[in-house]
Amino acid sequence: MFYLLIGIGAFAGAISRHLLSSFFIKASLYNFPLGTLVVNLIGCYLIGVFISINLNHKELLTPLLIIGFLGSFTTFSAFTKEILIYANTNGIIFAYLVALIISSTCVFSTFVGYKMFS
């Protein structure tokens, strides 16, 4: 049952990530990975929230929401791919700056989510 819940959550997280990222790609300027930023900010915030609150039914919600859904909703591989593409079009220095901004804001988002409910 544990792995089935992870799989269901991962399926929903991957589809949600793709839909949300695709929406924000259309609004992006200068090939900035806006979709990945938004998805990771939301996912990191929610991980902070879920960690800080005492979830009832942890045996169901942890594999479904945290491991499955948020594990596949947020993605480091898409982030690194988009930074590489950004580096090829805008230069390595700007790519490192974008990577720093995205990483910092995602860590801050997790912290905010955690602090809001702890």
C-alpha atoms as a PDB file:
ATOM      1  CA  MET A   1       0.000   0.000   0.000  1.00  0.00           C
ATOM      2  CA  PHE A   2       2.897   2.339   0.849  1.00  0.00           C
ATOM      3  CA  TYR A   3       4.362   2.139  -2.684  1.00  0.00           C
ATOM      4  CA  LEU A   4       0.967   2.448  -4.313  1.00  0.00           C
ATOM      5  CA  LEU A   5       0.375   5.719  -2.440  1.00  0.00           C
ATOM      6  CA  ILE A   6       3.792   6.998  -3.535  1.00  0.00           C
ATOM      7  CA  GLY A   7       2.977   6.075  -7.143  1.00  0.00           C
ATOM      8  CA  ILE A   8      -0.429   7.789  -7.078  1.00  0.00           C
ATOM      9  CA  GLY A   9       1.097  10.913  -5.536  1.00  0.00           C
ATOM     10  CA  ALA A  10       4.009  10.903  -7.993  1.00  0.00           C
ATOM     11  CA  PHE A  11       1.660  10.591 -10.963  1.00  0.00           C
ATOM     12  CA  ALA A  12      -0.433  13.543  -9.780  1.00  0.00           C
ATOM     13  CA  GLY A  13       2.675  15.591  -8.920  1.00  0.00           C
ATOM     14  CA  ALA A  14       4.342  15.051 -12.299  1.00  0.00           C
ATOM     15  CA  ILE A  15       1.190  15.948 -14.235  1.00  0.00           C
ATOM     16  CA  SER A  16       0.638  19.025 -12.040  1.00  0.00           C
ATOM     17  CA  ARG A  17       4.257  20.129 -12.488  1.00  0.00           C
ATOM     18  CA  HIS A  18       4.048  19.796 -16.255  1.00  0.00           C
ATOM     19  CA  LEU A  19       0.775  21.737 -16.509  1.00  0.00           C
ATOM     20  CA  LEU A  20       1.897  24.555 -14.212  1.00  0.00           C
ATOM     21  CA  SER A  21       5.372  24.808 -15.769  1.00  0.00           C
ATOM     22  CA  SER A  22       3.881  24.863 -19.279  1.00  0.00           C
ATOM     23  CA  PHE A  23       1.582  27.703 -18.296  1.00  0.00           C
ATOM     24  CA  PHE A  24       4.442  29.831 -16.935  1.00  0.00           C
ATOM     25  CA  ILE A  25       6.801  29.091 -19.829  1.00  0.00           C
ATOM     26  CA  LYS A  26       4.508  31.212 -21.988  1.00  0.00           C
ATOM     27  CA  ALA A  27       4.903  34.137 -19.566  1.00  0.00           C
ATOM     28  CA  SER A  28       8.683  33.850 -19.246  1.00  0.00           C
ATOM     29  CA  LEU A  29      11.057  36.576 -20.436  1.00  0.00           C
ATOM     30  CA  TYR A  30      14.563  36.004 -21.813  1.00  0.00           C
ATOM     31  CA  ASN A  31      14.283  32.208 -21.370  1.00  0.00           C
ATOM     32  CA  PHE A  32      14.131  32.637 -17.580  1.00  0.00           C
ATOM     33  CA  PRO A  33      12.962  29.311 -16.071  1.00  0.00           C
ATOM     34  CA  LEU A  34       9.884  30.897 -14.501  1.00  0.00           C
ATOM     35  CA  GLY A  35       7.808  27.707 -14.565  1.00  0.00           C
ATOM     36  CA  THR A  36      10.414  25.756 -12.636  1.00  0.00           C
ATOM     37  CA  LEU A  37      10.816  28.609 -10.168  1.00  0.00           C
ATOM     38  CA  VAL A  38       7.069  28.816  -9.477  1.00  0.00           C
ATOM     39  CA  VAL A  39       6.657  25.048  -9.180  1.00  0.00           C
ATOM     40  CA  ASN A  40       9.628  24.711  -6.844  1.00  0.00           C
ATOM     41  CA  LEU A  41       8.539  27.667  -4.700  1.00  0.00           C
ATOM     42  CA  ILE A  42       5.078  26.169  -4.249  1.00  0.00           C
ATOM     43  CA  GLY A  43       6.459  22.688  -3.607  1.00  0.00           C
ATOM     44  CA  CYS A  44       9.107  23.872  -1.158  1.00  0.00           C
ATOM     45  CA  TYR A  45       6.549  25.962   0.712  1.00  0.00           C
ATOM     46  CA  LEU A  46       4.174  22.992   0.984  1.00  0.00           C
ATOM     47  CA  ILE A  47       6.955  20.688   2.190  1.00  0.00           C
ATOM     48  CA  GLY A  48       7.710  23.217   4.934  1.00  0.00           C
ATOM     49  CA  VAL A  49       4.015  23.353   5.855  1.00  0.00           C
ATOM     50  CA  PHE A  50       3.611  19.562   5.934  1.00  0.00           C
ATOM     51  CA  ILE A  51       6.757  19.101   8.009  1.00  0.00           C
ATOM     52  CA  SER A  52       5.663  21.674  10.568  1.00  0.00           C
ATOM     53  CA  ILE A  53       2.101  20.460  11.130  1.00  0.00           C
ATOM     54  CA  ASN A  54       1.289  17.201  12.780  1.00  0.00           C
ATOM     55  CA  LEU A  55      -0.414  15.325   9.970  1.00  0.00           C
ATOM     56  CA  ASN A  56      -3.125  12.928  11.016  1.00  0.00           C
ATOM     57  CA  HIS A  57      -2.878   9.584   9.249  1.00  0.00           C
ATOM     58  CA  LYS A  58       0.858   9.974   8.566  1.00  0.00           C
ATOM     59  CA  GLU A  59       1.017   6.427   7.226  1.00  0.00           C
ATOM     60  CA  LEU A  60      -1.232   7.560   4.346  1.00  0.00           C
ATOM     61  CA  LEU A  61      -0.407  11.231   3.858  1.00  0.00           C
ATOM     62  CA  THR A  62       3.393  11.090   4.060  1.00  0.00           C
ATOM     63  CA  PRO A  63       3.844   8.663   1.153  1.00  0.00           C
ATOM     64  CA  LEU A  64       1.029  10.221  -0.877  1.00  0.00           C
ATOM     65  CA  LEU A  65       1.716  13.944  -0.368  1.00  0.00           C
ATOM     66  CA  ILE A  66       5.328  14.412   0.717  1.00  0.00           C
ATOM     67  CA  ILE A  67       7.184  11.545  -0.937  1.00  0.00           C
ATOM     68  CA  GLY A  68       4.929  11.011  -3.952  1.00  0.00           C
ATOM     69  CA  PHE A  69       3.250  14.265  -4.926  1.00  0.00           C
ATOM     70  CA  LEU A  70       5.782  16.861  -3.750  1.00  0.00           C
ATOM     71  CA  GLY A  71       8.746  14.631  -4.591  1.00  0.00           C
ATOM     72  CA  SER A  72       7.663  14.558  -8.214  1.00  0.00           C
ATOM     73  CA  PHE A  73       6.106  18.049  -8.303  1.00  0.00           C
ATOM     74  CA  THR A  74       9.426  19.681  -7.432  1.00  0.00           C
ATOM     75  CA  THR A  75      12.320  18.639  -9.597  1.00  0.00           C
ATOM     76  CA  PHE A  76      16.016  19.274  -9.515  1.00  0.00           C
ATOM     77  CA  SER A  77      16.664  17.683 -12.887  1.00  0.00           C
ATOM     78  CA  ALA A  78      14.342  20.125 -14.699  1.00  0.00           C
ATOM     79  CA  PHE A  79      16.003  22.969 -12.798  1.00  0.00           C
ATOM     80  CA  THR A  80      19.510  21.976 -13.891  1.00  0.00           C
ATOM     81  CA  LYS A  81      18.378  21.400 -17.499  1.00  0.00           C
ATOM     82  CA  GLU A  82      16.840  24.864 -17.666  1.00  0.00           C
ATOM     83  CA  ILE A  83      19.926  26.471 -16.102  1.00  0.00           C
ATOM     84  CA  LEU A  84      22.062  24.797 -18.777  1.00  0.00           C
ATOM     85  CA  ILE A  85      19.774  26.119 -21.513  1.00  0.00           C
ATOM     86  CA  TYR A  86      19.817  29.554 -19.886  1.00  0.00           C
ATOM     87  CA  ALA A  87      23.644  29.461 -19.770  1.00  0.00           C
ATOM     88  CA  ASN A  88      23.799  28.650 -23.492  1.00  0.00           C
ATOM     89  CA  THR A  89      21.597  31.605 -24.401  1.00  0.00           C
ATOM     90  CA  ASN A  90      22.509  34.196 -21.751  1.00  0.00           C
ATOM     91  CA  GLY A  91      25.977  33.257 -20.518  1.00  0.00           C
ATOM     92  CA  ILE A  92      27.340  31.294 -17.613  1.00  0.00           C
ATOM     93  CA  ILE A  93      27.489  34.205 -15.164  1.00  0.00           C
ATOM     94  CA  PHE A  94      23.805  35.022 -15.574  1.00  0.00           C
ATOM     95  CA  ALA A  95      22.982  31.306 -15.332  1.00  0.00           C
ATOM     96  CA  TYR A  96      24.799  31.033 -12.001  1.00  0.00           C
ATOM     97  CA  LEU A  97      22.989  34.139 -10.785  1.00  0.00           C
ATOM     98  CA  VAL A  98      19.615  32.651 -11.775  1.00  0.00           C
ATOM     99  CA  ALA A  99      20.526  29.347 -10.099  1.00  0.00           C
ATOM    100  CA  LEU A 100      21.480  31.201  -6.920  1.00  0.00           C
ATOM    101  CA  ILE A 101      18.251  33.198  -6.940  1.00  0.00           C
ATOM    102  CA  ILE A 102      16.065  30.138  -7.497  1.00  0.00           C
ATOM    103  CA  SER A 103      17.883  28.034  -4.887  1.00  0.00           C
ATOM    104  CA  SER A 104      17.790  30.800  -2.291  1.00  0.00           C
ATOM    105  CA  THR A 105      14.126  31.593  -2.806  1.00  0.00           C
ATOM    106  CA  CYS A 106      13.175  27.902  -2.621  1.00  0.00           C
ATOM    107  CA  VAL A 107      15.017  27.421   0.681  1.00  0.00           C
ATOM    108  CA  PHE A 108      13.369  30.594   1.988  1.00  0.00           C
ATOM    109  CA  SER A 109       9.977  29.326   0.806  1.00  0.00           C
ATOM    110  CA  THR A 110      10.428  26.085   2.773  1.00  0.00           C
ATOM    111  CA  PHE A 111      11.431  28.108   5.839  1.00  0.00           C
ATOM    112  CA  VAL A 112       8.349  30.360   5.516  1.00  0.00           C
ATOM    113  CA  GLY A 113       6.026  27.382   5.124  1.00  0.00           C
ATOM    114  CA  TYR A 114       7.559  25.716   8.152  1.00  0.00           C
ATOM    115  CA  LYS A 115       7.453  28.835  10.344  1.00  0.00           C
ATOM    116  CA  MET A 116       3.875  29.741   9.438  1.00  0.00           C
ATOM    117  CA  PHE A 117       2.528  26.543  10.958  1.00  0.00           C
ATOM    118  CA  SER A 118       4.999  25.693  13.727  1.00  0.00           C
END
